[in-house]
Amino acid sequence: MEEALAPLFFFWIPLFLLGIGVSLTFFTKSNRFVIPLIFVGVIGLLSSPTTVPESDSSAVGKLLLDLLIPSAALLGGLYIIIFTGNVPVQRISKTYRPLGFLLVLFSIACLCIMHWYSFTPMWRGQANPYWIIFWPTFLLSSASFTALFSMVLVTIGREREKNSIHLFLISVSTTLITLLAMSYDGNVTTAEQFRNYLWMAAADIFGIIIGCLMAILAFTIVIASYEKSMPEPIQTSPPTKEEWNHVESVISRHLRGVEDE
């Protein structure tokens, strides 16, 4: 009984708290309860390999620990790159932009080293099963979405050519890494394994895109049906002479007040 409850308290409840905390960031402006929920959730997940090592689910926490430095570098680099660009709020000085690119390159280099050298995330003497899923999915989604955003910036954006080129270069780089991983074996995983998981990742991403499009279509149909069911608005009669006189008196009184000042 205790072995069954331990993963609940030390893995699944922290994961639930993390999900609740992240969700609340979109619906509340106060961080009074959000930050503690996220903090407890992250600490619980990261410590799960120690608190519940017998649980297979703690392989997720082990992978998060292994990816902690590359993920922090990647998120920090993207944050600096985005907010040193042409954004209206919370802009950062452009002198920090090279630091952002260096952090992104450092993160991608760390992930490549994890795949091809002796730093592959391991779990119970084998490659972490979640790493085998994460790595192809990360490369494929990065290559496809950065290429898509690059095209969107060129088509819709104004004076966004440099940002579009940066995204295109990221897409080309991740595509080259994907081709290399498909052709050459990693430290623990083979190129054939990578290709198999890559096709599954492509199917997952395709399914997510189709699901989003269907959700948008369903939302559009519901809104259109509701608009058609609404009665036509009642046309109001034009203002009477008394109403016009009242409007003129209010305007003249305010204009006269401004002139007096």
C-alpha atoms as a PDB file:
ATOM      1  CA  MET A   1       0.000   0.000   0.000  1.00  0.00           C
ATOM      2  CA  GLU A   2       2.785   2.405   0.920  1.00  0.00           C
ATOM      3  CA  GLU A   3       4.622   1.620  -2.338  1.00  0.00           C
ATOM      4  CA  ALA A   4       1.475   2.486  -4.278  1.00  0.00           C
ATOM      5  CA  LEU A   5       0.887   5.754  -2.400  1.00  0.00           C
ATOM      6  CA  ALA A   6       4.470   7.008  -2.591  1.00  0.00           C
ATOM      7  CA  PRO A   7       4.338   7.881  -6.341  1.00  0.00           C
ATOM      8  CA  LEU A   8       1.007   9.596  -5.746  1.00  0.00           C
ATOM      9  CA  PHE A   9       2.403  11.972  -3.135  1.00  0.00           C
ATOM     10  CA  PHE A  10       5.912  12.436  -4.522  1.00  0.00           C
ATOM     11  CA  PHE A  11       5.241  12.502  -8.283  1.00  0.00           C
ATOM     12  CA  TRP A  12       1.619  12.834  -9.379  1.00  0.00           C
ATOM     13  CA  ILE A  13       0.525  15.446  -6.847  1.00  0.00           C
ATOM     14  CA  PRO A  14       3.568  17.672  -7.616  1.00  0.00           C
ATOM     15  CA  LEU A  15       2.802  17.242 -11.325  1.00  0.00           C
ATOM     16  CA  PHE A  16      -0.821  18.249 -10.657  1.00  0.00           C
ATOM     17  CA  LEU A  17       0.286  21.296  -8.631  1.00  0.00           C
ATOM     18  CA  LEU A  18       2.647  22.334 -11.435  1.00  0.00           C
ATOM     19  CA  GLY A  19      -0.157  22.080 -13.990  1.00  0.00           C
ATOM     20  CA  ILE A  20      -2.517  24.092 -11.787  1.00  0.00           C
ATOM     21  CA  GLY A  21       0.141  26.766 -11.191  1.00  0.00           C
ATOM     22  CA  VAL A  22       0.946  27.132 -14.879  1.00  0.00           C
ATOM     23  CA  SER A  23      -2.770  27.287 -15.728  1.00  0.00           C
ATOM     24  CA  LEU A  24      -3.428  29.983 -13.125  1.00  0.00           C
ATOM     25  CA  THR A  25      -0.774  32.231 -14.695  1.00  0.00           C
ATOM     26  CA  PHE A  26      -3.180  32.747 -17.620  1.00  0.00           C
ATOM     27  CA  PHE A  27      -6.190  33.608 -15.440  1.00  0.00           C
ATOM     28  CA  THR A  28      -4.854  35.653 -12.532  1.00  0.00           C
ATOM     29  CA  LYS A  29      -2.589  38.662 -12.123  1.00  0.00           C
ATOM     30  CA  SER A  30      -1.587  37.798  -8.566  1.00  0.00           C
ATOM     31  CA  ASN A  31       1.458  35.570  -8.070  1.00  0.00           C
ATOM     32  CA  ARG A  32       0.755  35.023  -4.394  1.00  0.00           C
ATOM     33  CA  PHE A  33      -0.386  31.419  -4.855  1.00  0.00           C
ATOM     34  CA  VAL A  34       0.894  30.713  -8.374  1.00  0.00           C
ATOM     35  CA  ILE A  35       4.631  30.839  -7.672  1.00  0.00           C
ATOM     36  CA  PRO A  36       4.461  28.536  -4.579  1.00  0.00           C
ATOM     37  CA  LEU A  37       2.419  25.982  -6.551  1.00  0.00           C
ATOM     38  CA  ILE A  38       4.903  25.975  -9.425  1.00  0.00           C
ATOM     39  CA  PHE A  39       7.872  25.857  -7.039  1.00  0.00           C
ATOM     40  CA  VAL A  40       6.491  22.902  -5.057  1.00  0.00           C
ATOM     41  CA  GLY A  41       5.567  21.091  -8.262  1.00  0.00           C
ATOM     42  CA  VAL A  42       9.001  21.538  -9.851  1.00  0.00           C
ATOM     43  CA  ILE A  43      10.877  20.539  -6.691  1.00  0.00           C
ATOM     44  CA  GLY A  44       8.653  17.469  -6.291  1.00  0.00           C
ATOM     45  CA  LEU A  45       9.238  16.337  -9.883  1.00  0.00           C
ATOM     46  CA  LEU A  46      12.988  16.945  -9.781  1.00  0.00           C
ATOM     47  CA  SER A  47      13.347  15.034  -6.521  1.00  0.00           C
ATOM     48  CA  SER A  48      11.177  12.077  -7.640  1.00  0.00           C
ATOM     49  CA  PRO A  49      14.204   9.946  -8.695  1.00  0.00           C
ATOM     50  CA  THR A  50      15.334  10.112  -5.071  1.00  0.00           C
ATOM     51  CA  THR A  51      11.983   9.990  -3.288  1.00  0.00           C
ATOM     52  CA  VAL A  52      10.371   7.252  -5.417  1.00  0.00           C
ATOM     53  CA  PRO A  53      13.220   5.514  -7.319  1.00  0.00           C
ATOM     54  CA  GLU A  54      11.189   2.310  -7.666  1.00  0.00           C
ATOM     55  CA  SER A  55       8.472   4.076  -9.699  1.00  0.00           C
ATOM     56  CA  ASP A  56       8.774   4.073 -13.488  1.00  0.00           C
ATOM     57  CA  SER A  57       7.199   7.533 -13.585  1.00  0.00           C
ATOM     58  CA  SER A  58      10.218   9.046 -11.852  1.00  0.00           C
ATOM     59  CA  ALA A  59      12.105   8.624 -15.139  1.00  0.00           C
ATOM     60  CA  VAL A  60      10.417  11.903 -16.079  1.00  0.00           C
ATOM     61  CA  GLY A  61      12.002  13.624 -13.084  1.00  0.00           C
ATOM     62  CA  LYS A  62      15.385  12.130 -13.985  1.00  0.00           C
ATOM     63  CA  LEU A  63      15.082  13.483 -17.526  1.00  0.00           C
ATOM     64  CA  LEU A  64      14.100  16.920 -16.214  1.00  0.00           C
ATOM     65  CA  LEU A  65      17.203  16.919 -14.031  1.00  0.00           C
ATOM     66  CA  ASP A  66      19.382  15.968 -16.996  1.00  0.00           C
ATOM     67  CA  LEU A  67      17.795  18.678 -19.159  1.00  0.00           C
ATOM     68  CA  LEU A  68      17.814  21.370 -16.475  1.00  0.00           C
ATOM     69  CA  ILE A  69      20.889  23.274 -17.705  1.00  0.00           C
ATOM     70  CA  PRO A  70      20.163  23.034 -21.472  1.00  0.00           C
ATOM     71  CA  SER A  71      16.514  23.976 -20.930  1.00  0.00           C
ATOM     72  CA  ALA A  72      17.406  26.979 -18.753  1.00  0.00           C
ATOM     73  CA  ALA A  73      19.953  28.130 -21.349  1.00  0.00           C
ATOM     74  CA  LEU A  74      17.460  27.684 -24.207  1.00  0.00           C
ATOM     75  CA  LEU A  75      14.612  29.503 -22.467  1.00  0.00           C
ATOM     76  CA  GLY A  76      16.917  32.306 -21.292  1.00  0.00           C
ATOM     77  CA  GLY A  77      18.400  32.703 -24.761  1.00  0.00           C
ATOM     78  CA  LEU A  78      15.004  32.812 -26.461  1.00  0.00           C
ATOM     79  CA  TYR A  79      13.754  35.335 -23.891  1.00  0.00           C
ATOM     80  CA  ILE A  80      16.718  37.623 -24.562  1.00  0.00           C
ATOM     81  CA  ILE A  81      16.386  37.258 -28.342  1.00  0.00           C
ATOM     82  CA  ILE A  82      12.667  38.023 -28.287  1.00  0.00           C
ATOM     83  CA  PHE A  83      12.776  41.021 -25.969  1.00  0.00           C
ATOM     84  CA  THR A  84      15.812  42.615 -27.595  1.00  0.00           C
ATOM     85  CA  GLY A  85      13.838  42.728 -30.839  1.00  0.00           C
ATOM     86  CA  ASN A  86      11.015  44.900 -32.072  1.00  0.00           C
ATOM     87  CA  VAL A  87       8.582  44.484 -29.185  1.00  0.00           C
ATOM     88  CA  PRO A  88       6.507  47.280 -27.619  1.00  0.00           C
ATOM     89  CA  VAL A  89       6.918  46.325 -23.919  1.00  0.00           C
ATOM     90  CA  GLN A  90       9.693  45.245 -21.559  1.00  0.00           C
ATOM     91  CA  ARG A  91      12.408  45.713 -24.141  1.00  0.00           C
ATOM     92  CA  ILE A  92      15.974  44.662 -23.305  1.00  0.00           C
ATOM     93  CA  SER A  93      19.037  46.466 -24.622  1.00  0.00           C
ATOM     94  CA  LYS A  94      20.185  45.113 -28.005  1.00  0.00           C
ATOM     95  CA  THR A  95      23.696  44.692 -26.611  1.00  0.00           C
ATOM     96  CA  TYR A  96      22.471  41.485 -24.915  1.00  0.00           C
ATOM     97  CA  ARG A  97      21.272  39.880 -28.168  1.00  0.00           C
ATOM     98  CA  PRO A  98      24.601  38.054 -28.858  1.00  0.00           C
ATOM     99  CA  LEU A  99      24.329  36.553 -25.373  1.00  0.00           C
ATOM    100  CA  GLY A 100      20.891  35.206 -26.299  1.00  0.00           C
ATOM    101  CA  PHE A 101      22.231  33.525 -29.442  1.00  0.00           C
ATOM    102  CA  LEU A 102      25.186  32.077 -27.508  1.00  0.00           C
ATOM    103  CA  LEU A 103      22.826  30.586 -24.921  1.00  0.00           C
ATOM    104  CA  VAL A 104      20.677  28.991 -27.635  1.00  0.00           C
ATOM    105  CA  LEU A 105      23.752  27.555 -29.384  1.00  0.00           C
ATOM    106  CA  PHE A 106      25.074  26.267 -26.049  1.00  0.00           C
ATOM    107  CA  SER A 107      21.750  24.560 -25.347  1.00  0.00           C
ATOM    108  CA  ILE A 108      21.586  22.873 -28.768  1.00  0.00           C
ATOM    109  CA  ALA A 109      25.247  21.813 -28.465  1.00  0.00           C
ATOM    110  CA  CYS A 110      24.519  20.229 -25.059  1.00  0.00           C
ATOM    111  CA  LEU A 111      21.581  18.283 -26.507  1.00  0.00           C
ATOM    112  CA  CYS A 112      23.723  17.068 -29.413  1.00  0.00           C
ATOM    113  CA  ILE A 113      26.430  15.946 -26.983  1.00  0.00           C
ATOM    114  CA  MET A 114      23.779  14.079 -25.000  1.00  0.00           C
ATOM    115  CA  HIS A 115      22.768  12.195 -28.131  1.00  0.00           C
ATOM    116  CA  TRP A 116      26.150  11.347 -29.658  1.00  0.00           C
ATOM    117  CA  TYR A 117      28.468  11.166 -26.653  1.00  0.00           C
ATOM    118  CA  SER A 118      28.553   9.715 -23.150  1.00  0.00           C
ATOM    119  CA  PHE A 119      26.112  12.204 -21.574  1.00  0.00           C
ATOM    120  CA  THR A 120      22.960  10.484 -22.800  1.00  0.00           C
ATOM    121  CA  PRO A 121      20.212  10.601 -20.125  1.00  0.00           C
ATOM    122  CA  MET A 122      20.091   7.133 -18.616  1.00  0.00           C
ATOM    123  CA  TRP A 123      17.557   5.269 -16.499  1.00  0.00           C
ATOM    124  CA  ARG A 124      18.282   1.940 -14.823  1.00  0.00           C
ATOM    125  CA  GLY A 125      21.227   1.183 -17.094  1.00  0.00           C
ATOM    126  CA  GLN A 126      19.428   2.041 -20.332  1.00  0.00           C
ATOM    127  CA  ALA A 127      18.597   5.175 -22.267  1.00  0.00           C
ATOM    128  CA  ASN A 128      15.818   7.105 -20.583  1.00  0.00           C
ATOM    129  CA  PRO A 129      12.643   6.155 -22.500  1.00  0.00           C
ATOM    130  CA  TYR A 130      11.336   9.708 -22.286  1.00  0.00           C
ATOM    131  CA  TRP A 131      14.594  11.024 -23.771  1.00  0.00           C
ATOM    132  CA  ILE A 132      14.080   8.808 -26.822  1.00  0.00           C
ATOM    133  CA  ILE A 133      10.662  10.431 -27.247  1.00  0.00           C
ATOM    134  CA  PHE A 134      11.736  13.964 -26.382  1.00  0.00           C
ATOM    135  CA  TRP A 135      14.754  14.292 -28.699  1.00  0.00           C
ATOM    136  CA  PRO A 136      13.075  13.518 -32.077  1.00  0.00           C
ATOM    137  CA  THR A 137       9.967  15.472 -31.081  1.00  0.00           C
ATOM    138  CA  PHE A 138      12.036  18.497 -30.078  1.00  0.00           C
ATOM    139  CA  LEU A 139      14.015  18.517 -33.331  1.00  0.00           C
ATOM    140  CA  LEU A 140      11.013  18.002 -35.586  1.00  0.00           C
ATOM    141  CA  SER A 141       8.816  20.572 -33.838  1.00  0.00           C
ATOM    142  CA  SER A 142      11.645  23.124 -33.738  1.00  0.00           C
ATOM    143  CA  ALA A 143      12.375  22.719 -37.450  1.00  0.00           C
ATOM    144  CA  SER A 144       8.742  22.862 -38.546  1.00  0.00           C
ATOM    145  CA  PHE A 145       7.437  25.630 -36.307  1.00  0.00           C
ATOM    146  CA  THR A 146      10.419  27.960 -36.779  1.00  0.00           C
ATOM    147  CA  ALA A 147      10.059  27.572 -40.560  1.00  0.00           C
ATOM    148  CA  LEU A 148       6.336  28.318 -40.259  1.00  0.00           C
ATOM    149  CA  PHE A 149       6.887  31.393 -38.090  1.00  0.00           C
ATOM    150  CA  SER A 150       9.588  32.595 -40.473  1.00  0.00           C
ATOM    151  CA  MET A 151       7.124  32.480 -43.367  1.00  0.00           C
ATOM    152  CA  VAL A 152       4.457  34.223 -41.282  1.00  0.00           C
ATOM    153  CA  LEU A 153       6.832  37.062 -40.378  1.00  0.00           C
ATOM    154  CA  VAL A 154       7.757  37.587 -44.027  1.00  0.00           C
ATOM    155  CA  THR A 155       4.118  37.501 -45.145  1.00  0.00           C
ATOM    156  CA  ILE A 156       2.408  39.516 -42.405  1.00  0.00           C
ATOM    157  CA  GLY A 157       5.065  41.329 -40.375  1.00  0.00           C
ATOM    158  CA  ARG A 158       6.580  44.712 -41.070  1.00  0.00           C
ATOM    159  CA  GLU A 159      10.335  45.243 -40.904  1.00  0.00           C
ATOM    160  CA  ARG A 160      10.758  41.693 -39.603  1.00  0.00           C
ATOM    161  CA  GLU A 161      13.184  40.416 -42.241  1.00  0.00           C
ATOM    162  CA  LYS A 162      16.043  39.934 -39.756  1.00  0.00           C
ATOM    163  CA  ASN A 163      13.847  38.032 -37.315  1.00  0.00           C
ATOM    164  CA  SER A 164      12.569  35.899 -40.171  1.00  0.00           C
ATOM    165  CA  ILE A 165      16.133  35.073 -41.240  1.00  0.00           C
ATOM    166  CA  HIS A 166      17.055  34.110 -37.673  1.00  0.00           C
ATOM    167  CA  LEU A 167      14.105  31.736 -37.442  1.00  0.00           C
ATOM    168  CA  PHE A 168      14.930  30.281 -40.844  1.00  0.00           C
ATOM    169  CA  LEU A 169      18.528  29.623 -39.761  1.00  0.00           C
ATOM    170  CA  ILE A 170      17.287  27.854 -36.629  1.00  0.00           C
ATOM    171  CA  SER A 171      14.982  25.730 -38.802  1.00  0.00           C
ATOM    172  CA  VAL A 172      17.846  24.817 -41.154  1.00  0.00           C
ATOM    173  CA  SER A 173      20.151  23.963 -38.215  1.00  0.00           C
ATOM    174  CA  THR A 174      17.634  21.689 -36.487  1.00  0.00           C
ATOM    175  CA  THR A 175      16.831  20.053 -39.837  1.00  0.00           C
ATOM    176  CA  LEU A 176      20.524  19.256 -40.391  1.00  0.00           C
ATOM    177  CA  ILE A 177      20.810  17.821 -36.874  1.00  0.00           C
ATOM    178  CA  THR A 178      17.731  15.687 -37.566  1.00  0.00           C
ATOM    179  CA  LEU A 179      19.226  14.340 -40.793  1.00  0.00           C
ATOM    180  CA  LEU A 180      22.484  13.529 -38.995  1.00  0.00           C
ATOM    181  CA  ALA A 181      20.640  11.712 -36.216  1.00  0.00           C
ATOM    182  CA  MET A 182      18.697   9.745 -38.846  1.00  0.00           C
ATOM    183  CA  SER A 183      21.954   8.700 -40.522  1.00  0.00           C
ATOM    184  CA  TYR A 184      24.400   8.110 -37.654  1.00  0.00           C
ATOM    185  CA  ASP A 185      23.927   6.121 -34.444  1.00  0.00           C
ATOM    186  CA  GLY A 186      23.969   7.918 -31.131  1.00  0.00           C
ATOM    187  CA  ASN A 187      25.799   6.905 -27.986  1.00  0.00           C
ATOM    188  CA  VAL A 188      23.017   4.568 -26.852  1.00  0.00           C
ATOM    189  CA  THR A 189      20.251   4.780 -29.456  1.00  0.00           C
ATOM    190  CA  THR A 190      20.597   3.718 -33.081  1.00  0.00           C
ATOM    191  CA  ALA A 191      19.681   5.713 -36.173  1.00  0.00           C
ATOM    192  CA  GLU A 192      16.875   3.243 -36.866  1.00  0.00           C
ATOM    193  CA  GLN A 193      15.364   3.842 -33.423  1.00  0.00           C
ATOM    194  CA  PHE A 194      15.597   7.574 -33.976  1.00  0.00           C
ATOM    195  CA  ARG A 195      13.833   7.289 -37.342  1.00  0.00           C
ATOM    196  CA  ASN A 196      11.028   5.193 -35.831  1.00  0.00           C
ATOM    197  CA  TYR A 197      10.399   7.691 -33.044  1.00  0.00           C
ATOM    198  CA  LEU A 198      10.716  10.557 -35.520  1.00  0.00           C
ATOM    199  CA  TRP A 199       7.817   9.218 -37.605  1.00  0.00           C
ATOM    200  CA  MET A 200       5.747   8.794 -34.451  1.00  0.00           C
ATOM    201  CA  ALA A 201       6.600  12.359 -33.426  1.00  0.00           C
ATOM    202  CA  ALA A 202       5.534  13.554 -36.894  1.00  0.00           C
ATOM    203  CA  ALA A 203       2.221  11.756 -36.457  1.00  0.00           C
ATOM    204  CA  ASP A 204       1.754  13.353 -33.015  1.00  0.00           C
ATOM    205  CA  ILE A 205       2.493  16.851 -34.314  1.00  0.00           C
ATOM    206  CA  PHE A 206       0.214  16.308 -37.316  1.00  0.00           C
ATOM    207  CA  GLY A 207      -2.542  15.150 -34.981  1.00  0.00           C
ATOM    208  CA  ILE A 208      -2.079  18.203 -32.747  1.00  0.00           C
ATOM    209  CA  ILE A 209      -2.328  20.525 -35.767  1.00  0.00           C
ATOM    210  CA  ILE A 210      -5.453  18.754 -37.067  1.00  0.00           C
ATOM    211  CA  GLY A 211      -6.989  18.870 -33.584  1.00  0.00           C
ATOM    212  CA  CYS A 212      -6.327  22.614 -33.265  1.00  0.00           C
ATOM    213  CA  LEU A 213      -7.827  23.263 -36.697  1.00  0.00           C
ATOM    214  CA  MET A 214     -10.909  21.205 -35.833  1.00  0.00           C
ATOM    215  CA  ALA A 215     -11.292  23.073 -32.534  1.00  0.00           C
ATOM    216  CA  ILE A 216     -11.097  26.412 -34.374  1.00  0.00           C
ATOM    217  CA  LEU A 217     -13.608  25.178 -36.949  1.00  0.00           C
ATOM    218  CA  ALA A 218     -16.006  23.985 -34.240  1.00  0.00           C
ATOM    219  CA  PHE A 219     -15.690  27.299 -32.384  1.00  0.00           C
ATOM    220  CA  THR A 220     -16.360  29.197 -35.621  1.00  0.00           C
ATOM    221  CA  ILE A 221     -19.436  27.094 -36.380  1.00  0.00           C
ATOM    222  CA  VAL A 222     -20.836  27.631 -32.882  1.00  0.00           C
ATOM    223  CA  ILE A 223     -20.303  31.407 -33.069  1.00  0.00           C
ATOM    224  CA  ALA A 224     -21.795  31.587 -36.586  1.00  0.00           C
ATOM    225  CA  SER A 225     -24.840  29.538 -35.513  1.00  0.00           C
ATOM    226  CA  TYR A 226     -25.361  31.741 -32.477  1.00  0.00           C
ATOM    227  CA  GLU A 227     -25.086  34.907 -34.568  1.00  0.00           C
ATOM    228  CA  LYS A 228     -27.682  33.606 -37.035  1.00  0.00           C
ATOM    229  CA  SER A 229     -30.089  32.719 -34.223  1.00  0.00           C
ATOM    230  CA  MET A 230     -29.965  36.255 -32.807  1.00  0.00           C
ATOM    231  CA  PRO A 231     -32.804  38.581 -33.835  1.00  0.00           C
ATOM    232  CA  GLU A 232     -31.953  41.567 -35.942  1.00  0.00           C
ATOM    233  CA  PRO A 233     -31.225  44.697 -33.890  1.00  0.00           C
ATOM    234  CA  ILE A 234     -34.095  47.151 -33.512  1.00  0.00           C
ATOM    235  CA  GLN A 235     -33.537  50.365 -35.395  1.00  0.00           C
ATOM    236  CA  THR A 236     -33.810  53.422 -33.178  1.00  0.00           C
ATOM    237  CA  SER A 237     -35.578  56.578 -34.245  1.00  0.00           C
ATOM    238  CA  PRO A 238     -33.483  59.653 -35.035  1.00  0.00           C
ATOM    239  CA  PRO A 239     -32.883  62.220 -32.265  1.00  0.00           C
ATOM    240  CA  THR A 240     -35.654  64.714 -31.626  1.00  0.00           C
ATOM    241  CA  LYS A 241     -35.190  68.474 -31.738  1.00  0.00           C
ATOM    242  CA  GLU A 242     -35.094  68.645 -27.928  1.00  0.00           C
ATOM    243  CA  GLU A 243     -32.319  66.019 -27.823  1.00  0.00           C
ATOM    244  CA  TRP A 244     -30.301  67.938 -30.417  1.00  0.00           C
ATOM    245  CA  ASN A 245     -30.708  71.116 -28.380  1.00  0.00           C
ATOM    246  CA  HIS A 246     -29.504  69.274 -25.259  1.00  0.00           C
ATOM    247  CA  VAL A 247     -26.444  67.943 -27.097  1.00  0.00           C
ATOM    248  CA  GLU A 248     -25.633  71.409 -28.442  1.00  0.00           C
ATOM    249  CA  SER A 249     -25.932  72.950 -24.985  1.00  0.00           C
ATOM    250  CA  VAL A 250     -23.622  70.329 -23.431  1.00  0.00           C
ATOM    251  CA  ILE A 251     -21.004  70.760 -26.175  1.00  0.00           C
ATOM    252  CA  SER A 252     -21.121  74.527 -26.044  1.00  0.00           C
ATOM    253  CA  ARG A 253     -20.871  74.529 -22.253  1.00  0.00           C
ATOM    254  CA  HIS A 254     -17.752  72.330 -22.328  1.00  0.00           C
ATOM    255  CA  LEU A 255     -16.150  74.285 -25.138  1.00  0.00           C
ATOM    256  CA  ARG A 256     -16.826  77.538 -23.318  1.00  0.00           C
ATOM    257  CA  GLY A 257     -15.266  76.076 -20.190  1.00  0.00           C
ATOM    258  CA  VAL A 258     -12.092  75.199 -22.109  1.00  0.00           C
ATOM    259  CA  GLU A 259     -11.893  78.673 -23.595  1.00  0.00           C
ATOM    260  CA  ASP A 260     -12.311  80.270 -20.149  1.00  0.00           C
ATOM    261  CA  GLU A 261      -9.365  78.265 -18.861  1.00  0.00           C
END
